[in-house]
């Protein structure tokens, strides 16, 4: 799946980053499946995974987890 990070927003509380919201879109190479959405991670998770490849991996895992939740 091709994943694009479309926006990363820092959410502040008392001048401190509390969480980071990631917006994304994705599609299969043949464009038969499309996904998009947003979710938040902690500032610690972002600091440990702030490069693009790591963020795309977090998105892939988040989407896979949500898909699997629906099959229970």
C-alpha atoms as a PDB file:
ATOM      1  CA  UNK A   1       0.000   0.000   0.000  1.00  0.00           C
ATOM      2  CA  UNK A   2       1.223   3.461  -0.867  1.00  0.00           C
ATOM      3  CA  UNK A   3       0.843   5.712   2.188  1.00  0.00           C
ATOM      4  CA  UNK A   4       1.069   9.497   2.076  1.00  0.00           C
ATOM      5  CA  UNK A   5       1.260  11.634   5.194  1.00  0.00           C
ATOM      6  CA  UNK A   6      -0.851  14.681   4.345  1.00  0.00           C
ATOM      7  CA  UNK A   7      -0.511  16.633   7.597  1.00  0.00           C
ATOM      8  CA  UNK A   8       1.183  16.458  10.980  1.00  0.00           C
ATOM      9  CA  UNK A   9      -0.221  18.769  13.688  1.00  0.00           C
ATOM     10  CA  UNK A  10       1.203  19.369  17.130  1.00  0.00           C
ATOM     11  CA  UNK A  11      -1.417  19.616  19.881  1.00  0.00           C
ATOM     12  CA  UNK A  12      -0.246  21.847  22.730  1.00  0.00           C
ATOM     13  CA  UNK A  13      -1.253  22.095  26.351  1.00  0.00           C
ATOM     14  CA  UNK A  14       0.381  24.803  28.481  1.00  0.00           C
ATOM     15  CA  UNK A  15       3.113  25.456  25.884  1.00  0.00           C
ATOM     16  CA  UNK A  16       4.039  21.756  25.753  1.00  0.00           C
ATOM     17  CA  UNK A  17       3.353  19.294  22.948  1.00  0.00           C
ATOM     18  CA  UNK A  18       0.891  16.761  24.381  1.00  0.00           C
ATOM     19  CA  UNK A  19       0.064  14.789  21.244  1.00  0.00           C
ATOM     20  CA  UNK A  20       0.577  14.797  17.505  1.00  0.00           C
ATOM     21  CA  UNK A  21      -2.229  14.271  14.999  1.00  0.00           C
ATOM     22  CA  UNK A  22      -1.296  12.509  11.757  1.00  0.00           C
ATOM     23  CA  UNK A  23      -3.522  12.820   8.687  1.00  0.00           C
ATOM     24  CA  UNK A  24      -2.956  10.320   5.908  1.00  0.00           C
ATOM     25  CA  UNK A  25      -4.223   8.785   2.712  1.00  0.00           C
ATOM     26  CA  UNK A  26      -3.329   5.486   1.154  1.00  0.00           C
ATOM     27  CA  UNK A  27      -4.077   3.285  -1.809  1.00  0.00           C
ATOM     28  CA  UNK A  28      -3.000   0.028  -3.324  1.00  0.00           C
ATOM     29  CA  UNK A  29      -0.722   0.243  -6.339  1.00  0.00           C
ATOM     30  CA  UNK A  30      -3.589  -0.728  -8.643  1.00  0.00           C
ATOM     31  CA  UNK A  31      -5.801   1.859  -6.894  1.00  0.00           C
ATOM     32  CA  UNK A  32      -8.560  -0.631  -6.101  1.00  0.00           C
ATOM     33  CA  UNK A  33      -8.495   0.162  -2.367  1.00  0.00           C
ATOM     34  CA  UNK A  34      -8.355   3.666  -0.852  1.00  0.00           C
ATOM     35  CA  UNK A  35      -8.107   4.684   2.799  1.00  0.00           C
ATOM     36  CA  UNK A  36      -7.737   7.993   4.573  1.00  0.00           C
ATOM     37  CA  UNK A  37      -8.063   9.322   8.057  1.00  0.00           C
ATOM     38  CA  UNK A  38      -6.367  10.813  11.059  1.00  0.00           C
ATOM     39  CA  UNK A  39      -5.346   9.717  14.520  1.00  0.00           C
ATOM     40  CA  UNK A  40      -3.198  10.981  17.359  1.00  0.00           C
ATOM     41  CA  UNK A  41      -0.017   9.633  18.892  1.00  0.00           C
ATOM     42  CA  UNK A  42       1.838  10.814  21.974  1.00  0.00           C
ATOM     43  CA  UNK A  43       4.615  13.357  21.716  1.00  0.00           C
ATOM     44  CA  UNK A  44       7.023  10.621  22.866  1.00  0.00           C
ATOM     45  CA  UNK A  45       5.930   8.318  20.036  1.00  0.00           C
ATOM     46  CA  UNK A  46       6.436  11.161  17.556  1.00  0.00           C
ATOM     47  CA  UNK A  47       9.885  12.041  18.922  1.00  0.00           C
ATOM     48  CA  UNK A  48      10.974   8.408  18.496  1.00  0.00           C
ATOM     49  CA  UNK A  49       9.428   8.077  14.997  1.00  0.00           C
ATOM     50  CA  UNK A  50       9.509  11.533  13.424  1.00  0.00           C
ATOM     51  CA  UNK A  51      11.027  10.559  10.065  1.00  0.00           C
ATOM     52  CA  UNK A  52       8.692   9.894   7.154  1.00  0.00           C
ATOM     53  CA  UNK A  53       9.372   6.144   6.866  1.00  0.00           C
ATOM     54  CA  UNK A  54       8.648   5.616  10.563  1.00  0.00           C
ATOM     55  CA  UNK A  55       5.427   7.654  10.394  1.00  0.00           C
ATOM     56  CA  UNK A  56       4.264   5.661   7.377  1.00  0.00           C
ATOM     57  CA  UNK A  57       4.929   2.477   9.336  1.00  0.00           C
ATOM     58  CA  UNK A  58       2.837   3.792  12.242  1.00  0.00           C
ATOM     59  CA  UNK A  59       0.005   4.595   9.826  1.00  0.00           C
ATOM     60  CA  UNK A  60       0.160   1.126   8.250  1.00  0.00           C
ATOM     61  CA  UNK A  61       0.050  -0.520  11.673  1.00  0.00           C
ATOM     62  CA  UNK A  62      -2.802   1.724  12.833  1.00  0.00           C
ATOM     63  CA  UNK A  63      -4.892   0.918   9.738  1.00  0.00           C
ATOM     64  CA  UNK A  64      -4.162  -2.824  10.047  1.00  0.00           C
ATOM     65  CA  UNK A  65      -5.158  -2.766  13.738  1.00  0.00           C
ATOM     66  CA  UNK A  66      -8.444  -1.012  12.943  1.00  0.00           C
ATOM     67  CA  UNK A  67      -9.241  -3.499  10.171  1.00  0.00           C
ATOM     68  CA  UNK A  68      -8.608  -6.419  12.517  1.00  0.00           C
ATOM     69  CA  UNK A  69     -10.786  -4.869  15.247  1.00  0.00           C
ATOM     70  CA  UNK A  70     -13.712  -4.999  12.847  1.00  0.00           C
ATOM     71  CA  UNK A  71     -13.365  -8.742  12.292  1.00  0.00           C
ATOM     72  CA  UNK A  72     -13.771  -9.783  15.935  1.00  0.00           C
END
